[in-house]
Amino acid sequence: MGSKKVGFWNLSNKLTLFRIGAIPVVVLFLLFPGKGASFIAALIFLLAAISDGLDGYMARRRNTVTNLGKLLDPLADKLLVCTALIMLIPLERVSAWMAAVIIGREMAVTTLRGVAGVQGVVISASRLGKMKNLSQLSATNLLILHYPYFSIDVHQLGTLLLWLALVLTIWSGLDYFARFLKRS
């Protein structure tokens, strides 16, 4: 059996590109104050977050994993969360120091993976890293939504989840560095 040539424009990569394309739309809606704009921004962010789970699943299921997709997928995740966190700082929905820690960790782990790749070492996503990603996406989405719905303090729930995301962000970052040091 020969290997199947997979083109760039497969469904998985289209989902990843959708996620990247959703970022400026989320940013645009966050520029407008009010519950309606926040709701639309949160809805678009949610759809982009869902596409994160779907693209990898579809790539594996359809055997359409591409090297470019392997690079774009985590980049899209980081751009989505980091851009949203930055936008939420002036809206006073996220503390700047929390955003800085999360963004700093993302940059450090991305750099580590690049260095490891040059050395021929693959540092695959860990379960802890996936939990970190889910908690970041969930917290950020709730903080974008911000306003109370059905007597639920969405902002407070988002802040609580952001604290969890922060802990998982630091923990998983340390785990990636520890795993790299064991292999080198």
C-alpha atoms as a PDB file:
ATOM      1  CA  MET A   1       0.000   0.000   0.000  1.00  0.00           C
ATOM      2  CA  GLY A   2       1.386   3.390  -0.991  1.00  0.00           C
ATOM      3  CA  SER A   3       0.858   6.443   1.123  1.00  0.00           C
ATOM      4  CA  LYS A   4      -1.936   8.762   0.087  1.00  0.00           C
ATOM      5  CA  LYS A   5      -0.957  12.282  -0.990  1.00  0.00           C
ATOM      6  CA  VAL A   6      -2.930  14.780   1.041  1.00  0.00           C
ATOM      7  CA  GLY A   7      -3.498  18.274  -0.305  1.00  0.00           C
ATOM      8  CA  PHE A   8      -3.470  21.386   1.833  1.00  0.00           C
ATOM      9  CA  TRP A   9      -7.153  22.202   1.290  1.00  0.00           C
ATOM     10  CA  ASN A  10      -8.519  19.250   3.232  1.00  0.00           C
ATOM     11  CA  LEU A  11     -11.319  19.617   5.781  1.00  0.00           C
ATOM     12  CA  SER A  12      -8.973  19.579   8.783  1.00  0.00           C
ATOM     13  CA  ASN A  13      -6.855  22.441   7.477  1.00  0.00           C
ATOM     14  CA  LYS A  14      -9.975  24.381   6.463  1.00  0.00           C
ATOM     15  CA  LEU A  15     -11.220  24.099  10.075  1.00  0.00           C
ATOM     16  CA  THR A  16      -7.863  25.371  11.330  1.00  0.00           C
ATOM     17  CA  LEU A  17      -7.995  28.281   8.881  1.00  0.00           C
ATOM     18  CA  PHE A  18     -11.559  29.020  10.022  1.00  0.00           C
ATOM     19  CA  ARG A  19     -10.214  29.287  13.575  1.00  0.00           C
ATOM     20  CA  ILE A  20      -7.517  31.724  12.466  1.00  0.00           C
ATOM     21  CA  GLY A  21     -10.044  33.713  10.409  1.00  0.00           C
ATOM     22  CA  ALA A  22     -12.406  33.927  13.387  1.00  0.00           C
ATOM     23  CA  ILE A  23      -9.819  35.823  15.443  1.00  0.00           C
ATOM     24  CA  PRO A  24     -10.237  39.267  13.824  1.00  0.00           C
ATOM     25  CA  VAL A  25     -14.024  38.855  13.939  1.00  0.00           C
ATOM     26  CA  VAL A  26     -13.891  38.181  17.694  1.00  0.00           C
ATOM     27  CA  VAL A  27     -11.591  41.189  18.083  1.00  0.00           C
ATOM     28  CA  LEU A  28     -13.978  43.375  16.084  1.00  0.00           C
ATOM     29  CA  PHE A  29     -16.969  42.492  18.266  1.00  0.00           C
ATOM     30  CA  LEU A  30     -14.949  43.028  21.449  1.00  0.00           C
ATOM     31  CA  LEU A  31     -14.351  46.614  20.323  1.00  0.00           C
ATOM     32  CA  PHE A  32     -18.049  47.339  20.799  1.00  0.00           C
ATOM     33  CA  PRO A  33     -19.421  47.603  24.330  1.00  0.00           C
ATOM     34  CA  GLY A  34     -22.529  45.776  25.418  1.00  0.00           C
ATOM     35  CA  LYS A  35     -24.121  42.431  25.943  1.00  0.00           C
ATOM     36  CA  GLY A  36     -25.051  41.842  22.288  1.00  0.00           C
ATOM     37  CA  ALA A  37     -21.551  42.343  20.902  1.00  0.00           C
ATOM     38  CA  SER A  38     -20.055  40.225  23.697  1.00  0.00           C
ATOM     39  CA  PHE A  39     -22.555  37.465  22.981  1.00  0.00           C
ATOM     40  CA  ILE A  40     -21.684  37.416  19.257  1.00  0.00           C
ATOM     41  CA  ALA A  41     -17.940  37.477  20.037  1.00  0.00           C
ATOM     42  CA  ALA A  42     -18.401  34.586  22.491  1.00  0.00           C
ATOM     43  CA  LEU A  43     -20.448  32.606  19.958  1.00  0.00           C
ATOM     44  CA  ILE A  44     -17.789  33.010  17.268  1.00  0.00           C
ATOM     45  CA  PHE A  45     -15.066  32.156  19.789  1.00  0.00           C
ATOM     46  CA  LEU A  46     -17.028  29.048  20.815  1.00  0.00           C
ATOM     47  CA  LEU A  47     -17.357  27.904  17.193  1.00  0.00           C
ATOM     48  CA  ALA A  48     -13.622  28.440  16.718  1.00  0.00           C
ATOM     49  CA  ALA A  49     -12.902  26.490  19.922  1.00  0.00           C
ATOM     50  CA  ILE A  50     -15.101  23.618  18.734  1.00  0.00           C
ATOM     51  CA  SER A  51     -13.210  23.598  15.438  1.00  0.00           C
ATOM     52  CA  ASP A  52     -10.050  22.979  17.485  1.00  0.00           C
ATOM     53  CA  GLY A  53     -11.345  19.593  18.591  1.00  0.00           C
ATOM     54  CA  LEU A  54     -12.785  18.747  15.206  1.00  0.00           C
ATOM     55  CA  ASP A  55      -9.769  19.473  13.022  1.00  0.00           C
ATOM     56  CA  GLY A  56      -7.447  16.998  14.712  1.00  0.00           C
ATOM     57  CA  TYR A  57     -10.160  14.360  14.935  1.00  0.00           C
ATOM     58  CA  MET A  58     -11.008  14.740  11.247  1.00  0.00           C
ATOM     59  CA  ALA A  59      -7.355  14.665  10.194  1.00  0.00           C
ATOM     60  CA  ARG A  60      -6.745  11.393  12.031  1.00  0.00           C
ATOM     61  CA  ARG A  61     -10.036   9.804  11.013  1.00  0.00           C
ATOM     62  CA  ARG A  62      -9.661  10.668   7.327  1.00  0.00           C
ATOM     63  CA  ASN A  63      -5.892  10.108   7.313  1.00  0.00           C
ATOM     64  CA  THR A  64      -5.337  13.681   6.119  1.00  0.00           C
ATOM     65  CA  VAL A  65      -2.680  14.791   8.595  1.00  0.00           C
ATOM     66  CA  THR A  66      -0.303  17.271   6.957  1.00  0.00           C
ATOM     67  CA  ASN A  67       2.949  18.777   8.224  1.00  0.00           C
ATOM     68  CA  LEU A  68       1.551  22.261   7.671  1.00  0.00           C
ATOM     69  CA  GLY A  69      -1.579  21.277   9.600  1.00  0.00           C
ATOM     70  CA  LYS A  70       0.595  20.048  12.477  1.00  0.00           C
ATOM     71  CA  LEU A  71       2.160  23.510  12.631  1.00  0.00           C
ATOM     72  CA  LEU A  72      -0.960  25.595  12.012  1.00  0.00           C
ATOM     73  CA  ASP A  73      -3.223  23.810  14.513  1.00  0.00           C
ATOM     74  CA  PRO A  74      -1.330  24.697  17.706  1.00  0.00           C
ATOM     75  CA  LEU A  75      -0.546  28.148  16.292  1.00  0.00           C
ATOM     76  CA  ALA A  76      -4.254  28.773  15.703  1.00  0.00           C
ATOM     77  CA  ASP A  77      -5.045  27.672  19.284  1.00  0.00           C
ATOM     78  CA  LYS A  78      -2.474  30.025  20.744  1.00  0.00           C
ATOM     79  CA  LEU A  79      -3.466  32.958  18.529  1.00  0.00           C
ATOM     80  CA  LEU A  80      -7.137  32.512  19.406  1.00  0.00           C
ATOM     81  CA  VAL A  81      -6.662  32.411  23.175  1.00  0.00           C
ATOM     82  CA  CYS A  82      -3.823  34.927  23.428  1.00  0.00           C
ATOM     83  CA  THR A  83      -5.506  37.521  21.215  1.00  0.00           C
ATOM     84  CA  ALA A  84      -8.761  37.219  23.143  1.00  0.00           C
ATOM     85  CA  LEU A  85      -6.960  37.533  26.499  1.00  0.00           C
ATOM     86  CA  ILE A  86      -5.156  40.667  25.291  1.00  0.00           C
ATOM     87  CA  MET A  87      -8.463  42.170  24.140  1.00  0.00           C
ATOM     88  CA  LEU A  88     -10.058  41.410  27.515  1.00  0.00           C
ATOM     89  CA  ILE A  89      -7.410  43.346  29.489  1.00  0.00           C
ATOM     90  CA  PRO A  90      -8.641  46.896  28.684  1.00  0.00           C
ATOM     91  CA  LEU A  91     -12.219  45.689  29.203  1.00  0.00           C
ATOM     92  CA  GLU A  92     -11.101  44.788  32.752  1.00  0.00           C
ATOM     93  CA  ARG A  93     -12.234  41.195  32.362  1.00  0.00           C
ATOM     94  CA  VAL A  94      -8.718  39.725  32.676  1.00  0.00           C
ATOM     95  CA  SER A  95      -5.749  40.840  34.765  1.00  0.00           C
ATOM     96  CA  ALA A  96      -2.773  41.777  32.623  1.00  0.00           C
ATOM     97  CA  TRP A  97      -0.408  39.679  34.725  1.00  0.00           C
ATOM     98  CA  MET A  98      -2.531  36.546  34.189  1.00  0.00           C
ATOM     99  CA  ALA A  99      -2.574  37.123  30.434  1.00  0.00           C
ATOM    100  CA  ALA A 100       1.205  37.703  30.507  1.00  0.00           C
ATOM    101  CA  VAL A 101       1.859  34.420  32.337  1.00  0.00           C
ATOM    102  CA  ILE A 102      -0.352  32.455  29.930  1.00  0.00           C
ATOM    103  CA  ILE A 103       1.112  34.113  26.825  1.00  0.00           C
ATOM    104  CA  GLY A 104       4.672  33.730  28.162  1.00  0.00           C
ATOM    105  CA  ARG A 105       4.140  30.014  28.756  1.00  0.00           C
ATOM    106  CA  GLU A 106       2.703  29.555  25.262  1.00  0.00           C
ATOM    107  CA  MET A 107       5.724  31.286  23.729  1.00  0.00           C
ATOM    108  CA  ALA A 108       8.161  29.285  25.866  1.00  0.00           C
ATOM    109  CA  VAL A 109       6.605  25.911  25.027  1.00  0.00           C
ATOM    110  CA  THR A 110       6.347  26.789  21.324  1.00  0.00           C
ATOM    111  CA  THR A 111      10.046  27.721  21.343  1.00  0.00           C
ATOM    112  CA  LEU A 112      10.892  24.530  23.232  1.00  0.00           C
ATOM    113  CA  ARG A 113       9.025  22.422  20.681  1.00  0.00           C
ATOM    114  CA  GLY A 114      10.897  24.180  17.874  1.00  0.00           C
ATOM    115  CA  VAL A 115      14.269  23.531  19.516  1.00  0.00           C
ATOM    116  CA  ALA A 116      13.302  19.925  20.191  1.00  0.00           C
ATOM    117  CA  GLY A 117      12.198  19.479  16.582  1.00  0.00           C
ATOM    118  CA  VAL A 118      15.573  20.705  15.305  1.00  0.00           C
ATOM    119  CA  GLN A 119      17.194  18.070  17.542  1.00  0.00           C
ATOM    120  CA  GLY A 120      14.878  15.406  16.132  1.00  0.00           C
ATOM    121  CA  VAL A 121      12.876  15.153  19.353  1.00  0.00           C
ATOM    122  CA  VAL A 122       9.102  15.246  19.090  1.00  0.00           C
ATOM    123  CA  ILE A 123       7.297  16.619  22.128  1.00  0.00           C
ATOM    124  CA  SER A 124       3.724  15.598  21.549  1.00  0.00           C
ATOM    125  CA  ALA A 125       0.762  17.165  23.286  1.00  0.00           C
ATOM    126  CA  SER A 126       0.226  15.663  26.707  1.00  0.00           C
ATOM    127  CA  ARG A 127      -3.055  15.009  28.461  1.00  0.00           C
ATOM    128  CA  LEU A 128      -2.164  17.829  30.837  1.00  0.00           C
ATOM    129  CA  GLY A 129      -1.588  20.143  27.865  1.00  0.00           C
ATOM    130  CA  LYS A 130      -4.985  19.213  26.452  1.00  0.00           C
ATOM    131  CA  MET A 131      -6.633  19.921  29.822  1.00  0.00           C
ATOM    132  CA  LYS A 132      -4.827  23.278  29.853  1.00  0.00           C
ATOM    133  CA  ASN A 133      -6.130  24.081  26.395  1.00  0.00           C
ATOM    134  CA  LEU A 134      -9.719  23.147  27.288  1.00  0.00           C
ATOM    135  CA  SER A 135      -9.611  25.215  30.487  1.00  0.00           C
ATOM    136  CA  GLN A 136      -8.125  28.225  28.644  1.00  0.00           C
ATOM    137  CA  LEU A 137     -10.744  28.032  25.888  1.00  0.00           C
ATOM    138  CA  SER A 138     -13.606  27.633  28.388  1.00  0.00           C
ATOM    139  CA  ALA A 139     -12.440  30.432  30.692  1.00  0.00           C
ATOM    140  CA  THR A 140     -11.751  32.817  27.836  1.00  0.00           C
ATOM    141  CA  ASN A 141     -15.118  32.139  26.241  1.00  0.00           C
ATOM    142  CA  LEU A 142     -16.951  32.841  29.499  1.00  0.00           C
ATOM    143  CA  LEU A 143     -14.940  36.032  30.037  1.00  0.00           C
ATOM    144  CA  ILE A 144     -15.831  37.184  26.528  1.00  0.00           C
ATOM    145  CA  LEU A 145     -19.497  36.444  27.276  1.00  0.00           C
ATOM    146  CA  HIS A 146     -19.059  38.363  30.568  1.00  0.00           C
ATOM    147  CA  TYR A 147     -22.618  39.488  31.286  1.00  0.00           C
ATOM    148  CA  PRO A 148     -25.040  37.567  33.547  1.00  0.00           C
ATOM    149  CA  TYR A 149     -27.359  35.082  31.848  1.00  0.00           C
ATOM    150  CA  PHE A 150     -30.191  33.236  33.624  1.00  0.00           C
ATOM    151  CA  SER A 151     -29.000  34.578  37.003  1.00  0.00           C
ATOM    152  CA  ILE A 152     -25.539  33.050  36.446  1.00  0.00           C
ATOM    153  CA  ASP A 153     -22.569  35.328  37.090  1.00  0.00           C
ATOM    154  CA  VAL A 154     -20.738  34.349  33.907  1.00  0.00           C
ATOM    155  CA  HIS A 155     -17.803  36.648  34.623  1.00  0.00           C
ATOM    156  CA  GLN A 156     -17.188  35.143  38.063  1.00  0.00           C
ATOM    157  CA  LEU A 157     -17.389  31.613  36.639  1.00  0.00           C
ATOM    158  CA  GLY A 158     -14.963  32.609  33.853  1.00  0.00           C
ATOM    159  CA  THR A 159     -12.555  34.105  36.386  1.00  0.00           C
ATOM    160  CA  LEU A 160     -12.643  30.930  38.467  1.00  0.00           C
ATOM    161  CA  LEU A 161     -11.928  28.847  35.364  1.00  0.00           C
ATOM    162  CA  LEU A 162      -9.130  31.226  34.396  1.00  0.00           C
ATOM    163  CA  TRP A 163      -7.433  30.539  37.739  1.00  0.00           C
ATOM    164  CA  LEU A 164      -7.697  26.821  36.988  1.00  0.00           C
ATOM    165  CA  ALA A 165      -6.338  27.464  33.493  1.00  0.00           C
ATOM    166  CA  LEU A 166      -3.453  29.444  34.973  1.00  0.00           C
ATOM    167  CA  VAL A 167      -2.481  26.576  37.272  1.00  0.00           C
ATOM    168  CA  LEU A 168      -2.746  24.047  34.427  1.00  0.00           C
ATOM    169  CA  THR A 169      -0.829  26.410  32.131  1.00  0.00           C
ATOM    170  CA  ILE A 170       2.128  26.628  34.513  1.00  0.00           C
ATOM    171  CA  TRP A 171       2.005  22.933  35.435  1.00  0.00           C
ATOM    172  CA  SER A 172       1.841  21.721  31.844  1.00  0.00           C
ATOM    173  CA  GLY A 173       4.599  24.138  30.823  1.00  0.00           C
ATOM    174  CA  LEU A 174       6.888  22.737  33.503  1.00  0.00           C
ATOM    175  CA  ASP A 175       5.904  19.225  32.402  1.00  0.00           C
ATOM    176  CA  TYR A 176       6.888  19.947  28.766  1.00  0.00           C
ATOM    177  CA  PHE A 177      10.303  21.250  29.865  1.00  0.00           C
ATOM    178  CA  ALA A 178      10.830  18.267  32.190  1.00  0.00           C
ATOM    179  CA  ARG A 179       9.929  15.827  29.391  1.00  0.00           C
ATOM    180  CA  PHE A 180      12.338  17.586  27.034  1.00  0.00           C
ATOM    181  CA  LEU A 181      15.193  17.522  29.552  1.00  0.00           C
ATOM    182  CA  LYS A 182      14.686  13.766  30.109  1.00  0.00           C
ATOM    183  CA  ARG A 183      15.035  13.133  26.374  1.00  0.00           C
ATOM    184  CA  SER A 184      18.058  15.324  25.729  1.00  0.00           C
END
